[in-house]
């Protein structure tokens, strides 16, 4: 597989094996602060990716704290038969003791069932940001 690198506007944090596989130069080695860590890396860009048929979508959601908040935010996924594959919480910057949830789901943001679920979540949240849809990684 050939690399599609553009040295003037692209960079990656990746393993030495990935650099060899994609035939890309290594600019710096051993930049980690913990040699035993494992990290999930993403390709970030400003272009929308077309559905591949085997996609994931990542979004961020937040709402004012209330009983059952998380359940209310993710219930539309189940209602529309969308599988959640990952959820993480991070402290919100806009409110003390508030949280943003970063969620990965199976499917592309253009899929009808994903659109319906995200629309319902949007109606329940104070913030919903779709970070993107992308083909699932193959190991």
N, C-alpha and C. Protein backbone atom coordinates (compact mmCIF):
# COMPACT_ATOMS: atom_id res chain seq x y z
N UNK A 1 0.85 -1.17 0.00
CA UNK A 1 0.00 0.00 0.00
C UNK A 1 0.89 1.23 0.00
N UNK A 2 0.62 2.17 -0.88
CA UNK A 2 1.42 3.38 -0.93
C UNK A 2 0.88 4.41 0.03
N UNK A 3 1.79 5.21 0.57
CA UNK A 3 1.38 6.27 1.47
C UNK A 3 0.88 7.45 0.65
N UNK A 4 -0.05 8.18 1.23
CA UNK A 4 -0.55 9.39 0.61
C UNK A 4 -0.12 10.55 1.49
N UNK A 5 1.16 10.72 1.64
CA UNK A 5 1.67 11.73 2.55
C UNK A 5 1.83 13.07 1.85
N UNK A 6 1.71 14.11 2.62
CA UNK A 6 1.95 15.46 2.16
C UNK A 6 2.73 16.15 3.27
N UNK A 7 4.06 16.15 3.19
CA UNK A 7 4.89 16.61 4.30
C UNK A 7 4.59 18.03 4.76
N UNK A 8 3.98 18.86 3.93
CA UNK A 8 3.75 20.24 4.33
C UNK A 8 2.53 20.40 5.23
N UNK A 9 1.62 19.41 5.25
CA UNK A 9 0.42 19.60 6.06
C UNK A 9 -0.06 18.33 6.74
N UNK A 10 0.81 17.34 6.90
CA UNK A 10 0.38 16.09 7.50
C UNK A 10 1.42 15.58 8.48
N UNK A 11 0.94 14.88 9.48
CA UNK A 11 1.81 14.22 10.45
C UNK A 11 1.01 13.11 11.10
N UNK A 12 1.70 12.21 11.77
CA UNK A 12 1.02 11.11 12.45
C UNK A 12 1.78 10.74 13.71
N UNK A 13 1.05 10.31 14.72
CA UNK A 13 1.63 9.64 15.87
C UNK A 13 1.30 8.17 15.66
N UNK A 14 2.32 7.37 15.50
CA UNK A 14 2.07 5.97 15.18
C UNK A 14 3.29 5.14 15.57
N UNK A 15 3.11 3.85 15.44
CA UNK A 15 4.20 2.93 15.76
C UNK A 15 5.22 2.89 14.63
N UNK A 16 6.38 2.36 14.95
CA UNK A 16 7.41 2.16 13.93
C UNK A 16 6.91 1.19 12.86
N UNK A 17 6.12 0.19 13.29
CA UNK A 17 5.56 -0.76 12.34
C UNK A 17 4.63 -0.07 11.34
N UNK A 18 3.85 0.88 11.82
CA UNK A 18 2.95 1.62 10.92
C UNK A 18 3.76 2.44 9.92
N UNK A 19 4.84 3.06 10.39
CA UNK A 19 5.69 3.85 9.49
C UNK A 19 6.27 2.96 8.39
N UNK A 20 6.70 1.77 8.76
CA UNK A 20 7.25 0.84 7.77
C UNK A 20 6.16 0.36 6.82
N UNK A 21 5.00 0.02 7.36
CA UNK A 21 3.90 -0.48 6.54
C UNK A 21 3.47 0.55 5.50
N UNK A 22 3.35 1.81 5.92
CA UNK A 22 2.87 2.87 5.03
C UNK A 22 4.01 3.62 4.32
N UNK A 23 5.26 3.19 4.59
CA UNK A 23 6.42 3.79 3.95
C UNK A 23 6.47 5.30 4.19
N UNK A 24 6.39 5.69 5.46
CA UNK A 24 6.45 7.11 5.81
C UNK A 24 7.65 7.35 6.72
N UNK A 25 8.26 8.52 6.62
CA UNK A 25 9.46 8.78 7.43
C UNK A 25 9.12 8.98 8.90
N UNK A 26 10.06 8.60 9.76
CA UNK A 26 9.91 8.83 11.20
C UNK A 26 10.64 10.12 11.53
N UNK A 27 9.92 11.08 12.08
CA UNK A 27 10.50 12.37 12.41
C UNK A 27 11.08 12.40 13.82
N UNK A 28 10.46 11.66 14.75
CA UNK A 28 10.94 11.61 16.14
C UNK A 28 10.52 10.28 16.74
N UNK A 29 11.41 9.69 17.52
CA UNK A 29 11.12 8.43 18.19
C UNK A 29 10.99 8.66 19.69
N UNK A 30 10.33 7.72 20.34
CA UNK A 30 10.23 7.68 21.81
C UNK A 30 9.67 8.98 22.39
N UNK A 31 8.55 9.43 21.87
CA UNK A 31 7.94 10.67 22.36
C UNK A 31 6.97 10.42 23.51
N UNK A 32 6.68 9.15 23.82
CA UNK A 32 5.73 8.83 24.89
C UNK A 32 6.33 9.15 26.25
N UNK A 33 5.45 9.38 27.22
CA UNK A 33 5.92 9.59 28.59
C UNK A 33 5.72 8.34 29.44
N UNK A 34 5.11 7.31 28.88
CA UNK A 34 4.90 6.04 29.58
C UNK A 34 5.05 4.93 28.55
N UNK A 35 6.14 4.19 28.65
CA UNK A 35 6.44 3.18 27.63
C UNK A 35 5.46 2.00 27.63
N UNK A 36 4.66 1.86 28.68
CA UNK A 36 3.71 0.74 28.72
C UNK A 36 2.29 1.15 28.29
N UNK A 37 2.13 2.39 27.83
CA UNK A 37 0.78 2.82 27.47
C UNK A 37 0.32 2.22 26.16
N UNK A 38 -0.98 2.19 25.98
CA UNK A 38 -1.58 1.86 24.70
C UNK A 38 -2.54 3.00 24.37
N UNK A 39 -2.57 3.36 23.15
CA UNK A 39 -3.34 4.53 22.74
C UNK A 39 -4.09 4.23 21.46
N UNK A 40 -5.27 4.80 21.36
CA UNK A 40 -6.06 4.71 20.14
C UNK A 40 -5.78 5.97 19.34
N UNK A 41 -5.39 5.82 18.10
CA UNK A 41 -5.09 6.97 17.25
C UNK A 41 -6.16 7.13 16.19
N UNK A 42 -6.41 8.36 15.83
CA UNK A 42 -7.39 8.68 14.81
C UNK A 42 -6.76 9.54 13.74
N UNK A 43 -7.27 9.45 12.54
CA UNK A 43 -6.91 10.37 11.48
C UNK A 43 -7.92 11.50 11.55
N UNK A 44 -7.42 12.71 11.62
CA UNK A 44 -8.30 13.87 11.78
C UNK A 44 -8.19 14.74 10.53
N UNK A 45 -9.33 15.13 10.02
CA UNK A 45 -9.35 15.98 8.84
C UNK A 45 -10.64 16.76 8.79
N UNK A 46 -10.80 17.54 7.75
CA UNK A 46 -12.01 18.35 7.63
C UNK A 46 -12.89 17.92 6.46
N UNK A 47 -12.66 16.72 5.95
CA UNK A 47 -13.47 16.19 4.87
C UNK A 47 -14.39 15.10 5.41
N UNK A 48 -15.63 15.12 4.95
CA UNK A 48 -16.57 14.07 5.32
C UNK A 48 -16.25 12.81 4.53
N UNK A 49 -16.23 11.68 5.23
CA UNK A 49 -15.91 10.40 4.61
C UNK A 49 -17.21 9.69 4.22
N UNK A 50 -17.27 9.20 3.00
CA UNK A 50 -18.46 8.48 2.52
C UNK A 50 -18.60 7.14 3.25
N UNK A 51 -19.81 6.65 3.39
CA UNK A 51 -20.01 5.35 4.03
C UNK A 51 -19.26 4.24 3.31
N UNK A 52 -18.66 3.34 4.10
CA UNK A 52 -17.94 2.20 3.52
C UNK A 52 -18.75 0.92 3.64
N UNK A 53 -19.80 0.95 4.47
CA UNK A 53 -20.58 -0.25 4.75
C UNK A 53 -20.15 -0.93 6.03
N UNK A 54 -19.04 -0.48 6.62
CA UNK A 54 -18.53 -1.04 7.87
C UNK A 54 -17.88 0.09 8.67
N UNK A 55 -18.73 1.00 9.16
CA UNK A 55 -18.24 2.25 9.74
C UNK A 55 -18.54 2.37 11.23
N UNK A 56 -17.87 3.35 11.81
CA UNK A 56 -18.15 3.81 13.17
C UNK A 56 -18.35 5.31 13.10
N UNK A 57 -19.07 5.83 14.08
CA UNK A 57 -19.27 7.27 14.23
C UNK A 57 -18.92 7.63 15.66
N UNK A 58 -18.21 8.73 15.82
CA UNK A 58 -17.86 9.23 17.14
C UNK A 58 -18.54 10.58 17.34
N UNK A 59 -19.14 10.75 18.53
CA UNK A 59 -19.75 12.04 18.85
C UNK A 59 -19.53 12.37 20.31
N UNK A 60 -19.70 13.64 20.61
CA UNK A 60 -19.58 14.15 21.97
C UNK A 60 -20.96 14.69 22.35
N UNK A 61 -21.37 14.40 23.58
CA UNK A 61 -22.68 14.86 24.03
C UNK A 61 -22.58 15.31 25.49
N UNK A 62 -23.36 16.32 25.82
CA UNK A 62 -23.40 16.83 27.19
C UNK A 62 -24.79 17.40 27.44
N UNK A 63 -25.18 17.42 28.71
CA UNK A 63 -26.47 18.00 29.10
C UNK A 63 -26.39 18.40 30.55
N UNK A 64 -27.32 19.22 30.98
CA UNK A 64 -27.38 19.62 32.38
C UNK A 64 -27.65 18.39 33.24
N UNK A 65 -26.94 18.30 34.35
CA UNK A 65 -27.05 17.13 35.22
C UNK A 65 -28.47 16.98 35.76
N UNK A 66 -28.96 15.76 35.72
CA UNK A 66 -30.29 15.43 36.24
C UNK A 66 -30.32 13.93 36.46
N UNK A 67 -31.23 13.45 37.29
CA UNK A 67 -31.32 12.00 37.50
C UNK A 67 -31.59 11.27 36.19
N UNK A 68 -30.84 10.22 35.94
CA UNK A 68 -31.04 9.42 34.75
C UNK A 68 -30.47 10.03 33.48
N UNK A 69 -29.63 11.06 33.61
CA UNK A 69 -29.12 11.78 32.44
C UNK A 69 -28.48 10.86 31.42
N UNK A 70 -27.51 10.07 31.84
CA UNK A 70 -26.80 9.23 30.89
C UNK A 70 -27.75 8.26 30.20
N UNK A 71 -28.64 7.66 30.96
CA UNK A 71 -29.63 6.75 30.37
C UNK A 71 -30.48 7.47 29.33
N UNK A 72 -30.90 8.69 29.63
CA UNK A 72 -31.72 9.45 28.70
C UNK A 72 -30.96 9.78 27.42
N UNK A 73 -29.67 10.03 27.55
CA UNK A 73 -28.88 10.39 26.38
C UNK A 73 -28.58 9.20 25.47
N UNK A 74 -28.42 8.02 26.04
CA UNK A 74 -28.06 6.88 25.18
C UNK A 74 -29.25 5.99 24.82
N UNK A 75 -30.39 6.18 25.44
CA UNK A 75 -31.57 5.35 25.16
C UNK A 75 -31.96 5.35 23.68
N UNK A 76 -31.86 6.49 22.96
CA UNK A 76 -32.21 6.45 21.53
C UNK A 76 -31.36 5.49 20.71
N UNK A 77 -30.15 5.19 21.16
CA UNK A 77 -29.32 4.22 20.43
C UNK A 77 -30.01 2.86 20.42
N UNK A 78 -30.43 2.42 21.59
CA UNK A 78 -31.13 1.14 21.68
C UNK A 78 -32.45 1.17 20.93
N UNK A 79 -33.17 2.27 21.07
CA UNK A 79 -34.48 2.39 20.41
C UNK A 79 -34.37 2.27 18.89
N UNK A 80 -33.23 2.66 18.34
CA UNK A 80 -33.05 2.62 16.88
C UNK A 80 -32.06 1.54 16.44
N UNK A 81 -31.80 0.59 17.36
CA UNK A 81 -30.96 -0.56 17.05
C UNK A 81 -29.56 -0.17 16.59
N UNK A 82 -28.97 0.80 17.31
CA UNK A 82 -27.60 1.25 17.04
C UNK A 82 -26.73 0.78 18.19
N UNK A 83 -25.65 0.10 17.88
CA UNK A 83 -24.76 -0.45 18.89
C UNK A 83 -23.73 0.58 19.33
N UNK A 84 -23.62 0.78 20.63
CA UNK A 84 -22.58 1.63 21.19
C UNK A 84 -21.37 0.74 21.48
N UNK A 85 -20.20 1.12 20.95
CA UNK A 85 -19.01 0.31 21.15
C UNK A 85 -18.03 0.90 22.16
N UNK A 86 -18.22 2.16 22.53
CA UNK A 86 -17.31 2.78 23.49
C UNK A 86 -17.95 4.03 24.06
N UNK A 87 -17.68 4.28 25.35
CA UNK A 87 -18.11 5.53 25.98
C UNK A 87 -17.04 5.95 26.98
N UNK A 88 -16.72 7.22 26.97
CA UNK A 88 -15.77 7.81 27.91
C UNK A 88 -16.37 9.10 28.42
N UNK A 89 -16.06 9.44 29.65
CA UNK A 89 -16.50 10.73 30.17
C UNK A 89 -15.29 11.57 30.50
N UNK A 90 -15.43 12.86 30.29
CA UNK A 90 -14.40 13.84 30.61
C UNK A 90 -15.08 15.04 31.27
N UNK A 91 -14.39 15.67 32.21
CA UNK A 91 -14.98 16.87 32.83
C UNK A 91 -15.28 17.93 31.78
N UNK A 92 -16.43 18.56 31.90
CA UNK A 92 -16.81 19.62 30.98
C UNK A 92 -16.09 20.90 31.36
N UNK A 93 -15.70 21.65 30.37
CA UNK A 93 -15.01 22.91 30.64
C UNK A 93 -15.98 24.04 30.94
N UNK A 94 -17.22 23.88 30.54
CA UNK A 94 -18.18 24.96 30.65
C UNK A 94 -18.95 24.99 31.98
N UNK A 95 -18.88 23.93 32.76
CA UNK A 95 -19.61 23.91 34.02
C UNK A 95 -18.88 23.04 35.04
N UNK A 96 -18.91 23.47 36.28
CA UNK A 96 -18.25 22.71 37.32
C UNK A 96 -19.02 21.43 37.60
N UNK A 97 -18.33 20.33 37.71
CA UNK A 97 -18.87 19.00 37.98
C UNK A 97 -19.78 18.49 36.87
N UNK A 98 -19.69 19.11 35.71
CA UNK A 98 -20.42 18.61 34.55
C UNK A 98 -19.50 17.72 33.73
N UNK A 99 -20.09 16.90 32.89
CA UNK A 99 -19.30 15.97 32.09
C UNK A 99 -19.75 15.96 30.64
N UNK A 100 -18.78 15.72 29.77
CA UNK A 100 -19.03 15.44 28.36
C UNK A 100 -18.79 13.96 28.16
N UNK A 101 -19.61 13.35 27.35
CA UNK A 101 -19.47 11.93 27.05
C UNK A 101 -19.04 11.80 25.59
N UNK A 102 -17.97 11.04 25.38
CA UNK A 102 -17.48 10.74 24.04
C UNK A 102 -17.92 9.31 23.73
N UNK A 103 -18.67 9.17 22.67
CA UNK A 103 -19.31 7.89 22.37
C UNK A 103 -19.00 7.45 20.94
N UNK A 104 -18.64 6.18 20.80
CA UNK A 104 -18.48 5.55 19.49
C UNK A 104 -19.67 4.63 19.27
N UNK A 105 -20.23 4.69 18.08
CA UNK A 105 -21.33 3.81 17.72
C UNK A 105 -21.01 3.13 16.39
N UNK A 106 -21.65 2.02 16.16
CA UNK A 106 -21.49 1.29 14.91
C UNK A 106 -22.44 1.90 13.88
N UNK A 107 -21.90 2.20 12.71
CA UNK A 107 -22.70 2.79 11.64
C UNK A 107 -22.20 4.16 11.27
N UNK A 108 -22.61 4.63 10.12
CA UNK A 108 -22.21 5.93 9.57
C UNK A 108 -23.26 6.98 9.89
N UNK A 109 -22.83 8.21 10.06
CA UNK A 109 -23.77 9.29 10.37
C UNK A 109 -24.81 9.50 9.28
N UNK A 110 -24.58 8.98 8.08
CA UNK A 110 -25.57 9.07 6.99
C UNK A 110 -26.57 7.92 7.00
N UNK A 111 -26.33 6.89 7.82
CA UNK A 111 -27.28 5.78 7.93
C UNK A 111 -28.57 6.29 8.57
N UNK A 112 -29.70 5.86 8.06
CA UNK A 112 -31.00 6.35 8.54
C UNK A 112 -31.18 6.10 10.03
N UNK A 113 -30.89 4.88 10.50
CA UNK A 113 -31.10 4.58 11.93
C UNK A 113 -30.15 5.39 12.81
N UNK A 114 -28.94 5.65 12.35
CA UNK A 114 -28.00 6.48 13.11
C UNK A 114 -28.49 7.93 13.14
N UNK A 115 -28.97 8.43 12.02
CA UNK A 115 -29.52 9.79 11.97
C UNK A 115 -30.69 9.96 12.94
N UNK A 116 -31.59 8.99 12.96
CA UNK A 116 -32.74 9.07 13.85
C UNK A 116 -32.30 9.08 15.31
N UNK A 117 -31.37 8.20 15.66
CA UNK A 117 -30.88 8.15 17.05
C UNK A 117 -30.19 9.46 17.43
N UNK A 118 -29.33 9.97 16.55
CA UNK A 118 -28.61 11.21 16.86
C UNK A 118 -29.56 12.40 16.95
N UNK A 119 -30.61 12.42 16.13
CA UNK A 119 -31.61 13.50 16.22
C UNK A 119 -32.31 13.48 17.58
N UNK A 120 -32.66 12.30 18.05
CA UNK A 120 -33.30 12.20 19.37
C UNK A 120 -32.34 12.60 20.47
N UNK A 121 -31.10 12.18 20.37
CA UNK A 121 -30.10 12.57 21.37
C UNK A 121 -29.93 14.09 21.37
N UNK A 122 -29.88 14.67 20.19
CA UNK A 122 -29.76 16.13 20.06
C UNK A 122 -30.88 16.85 20.79
N UNK A 123 -32.09 16.31 20.69
CA UNK A 123 -33.24 16.93 21.36
C UNK A 123 -33.18 16.83 22.88
N UNK A 124 -32.39 15.89 23.41
CA UNK A 124 -32.28 15.68 24.85
C UNK A 124 -31.04 16.35 25.45
N UNK A 125 -30.12 16.76 24.62
CA UNK A 125 -28.82 17.25 25.08
C UNK A 125 -28.73 18.77 24.98
N UNK A 126 -27.81 19.34 25.74
CA UNK A 126 -27.51 20.76 25.56
C UNK A 126 -26.41 20.94 24.53
N UNK A 127 -25.65 19.85 24.28
CA UNK A 127 -24.58 19.89 23.30
C UNK A 127 -24.45 18.52 22.64
N UNK A 128 -24.46 18.51 21.33
CA UNK A 128 -24.16 17.29 20.57
C UNK A 128 -23.26 17.71 19.43
N UNK A 129 -22.09 17.12 19.36
CA UNK A 129 -21.14 17.40 18.28
C UNK A 129 -20.73 16.08 17.67
N UNK A 130 -21.06 15.89 16.41
CA UNK A 130 -20.64 14.69 15.69
C UNK A 130 -19.20 14.93 15.24
N UNK A 131 -18.30 14.10 15.75
CA UNK A 131 -16.88 14.26 15.44
C UNK A 131 -16.51 13.60 14.12
N UNK A 132 -17.33 12.67 13.66
CA UNK A 132 -17.09 12.09 12.34
C UNK A 132 -17.45 10.63 12.25
N UNK A 133 -17.54 10.18 11.03
CA UNK A 133 -17.76 8.77 10.70
C UNK A 133 -16.58 8.30 9.89
N UNK A 134 -16.22 7.04 10.06
CA UNK A 134 -15.00 6.52 9.44
C UNK A 134 -15.08 5.01 9.35
N UNK A 135 -14.36 4.42 8.40
CA UNK A 135 -14.34 2.94 8.32
C UNK A 135 -13.69 2.37 9.58
N UNK A 136 -14.20 1.23 10.03
CA UNK A 136 -13.62 0.58 11.19
C UNK A 136 -12.19 0.16 10.91
N UNK A 137 -11.36 0.24 11.93
CA UNK A 137 -9.96 -0.17 11.80
C UNK A 137 -9.89 -1.67 11.62
N UNK A 138 -8.92 -2.09 10.88
CA UNK A 138 -8.64 -3.52 10.69
C UNK A 138 -7.26 -3.79 11.23
N UNK A 139 -7.17 -4.75 12.12
CA UNK A 139 -5.89 -5.02 12.77
C UNK A 139 -5.17 -6.14 12.09
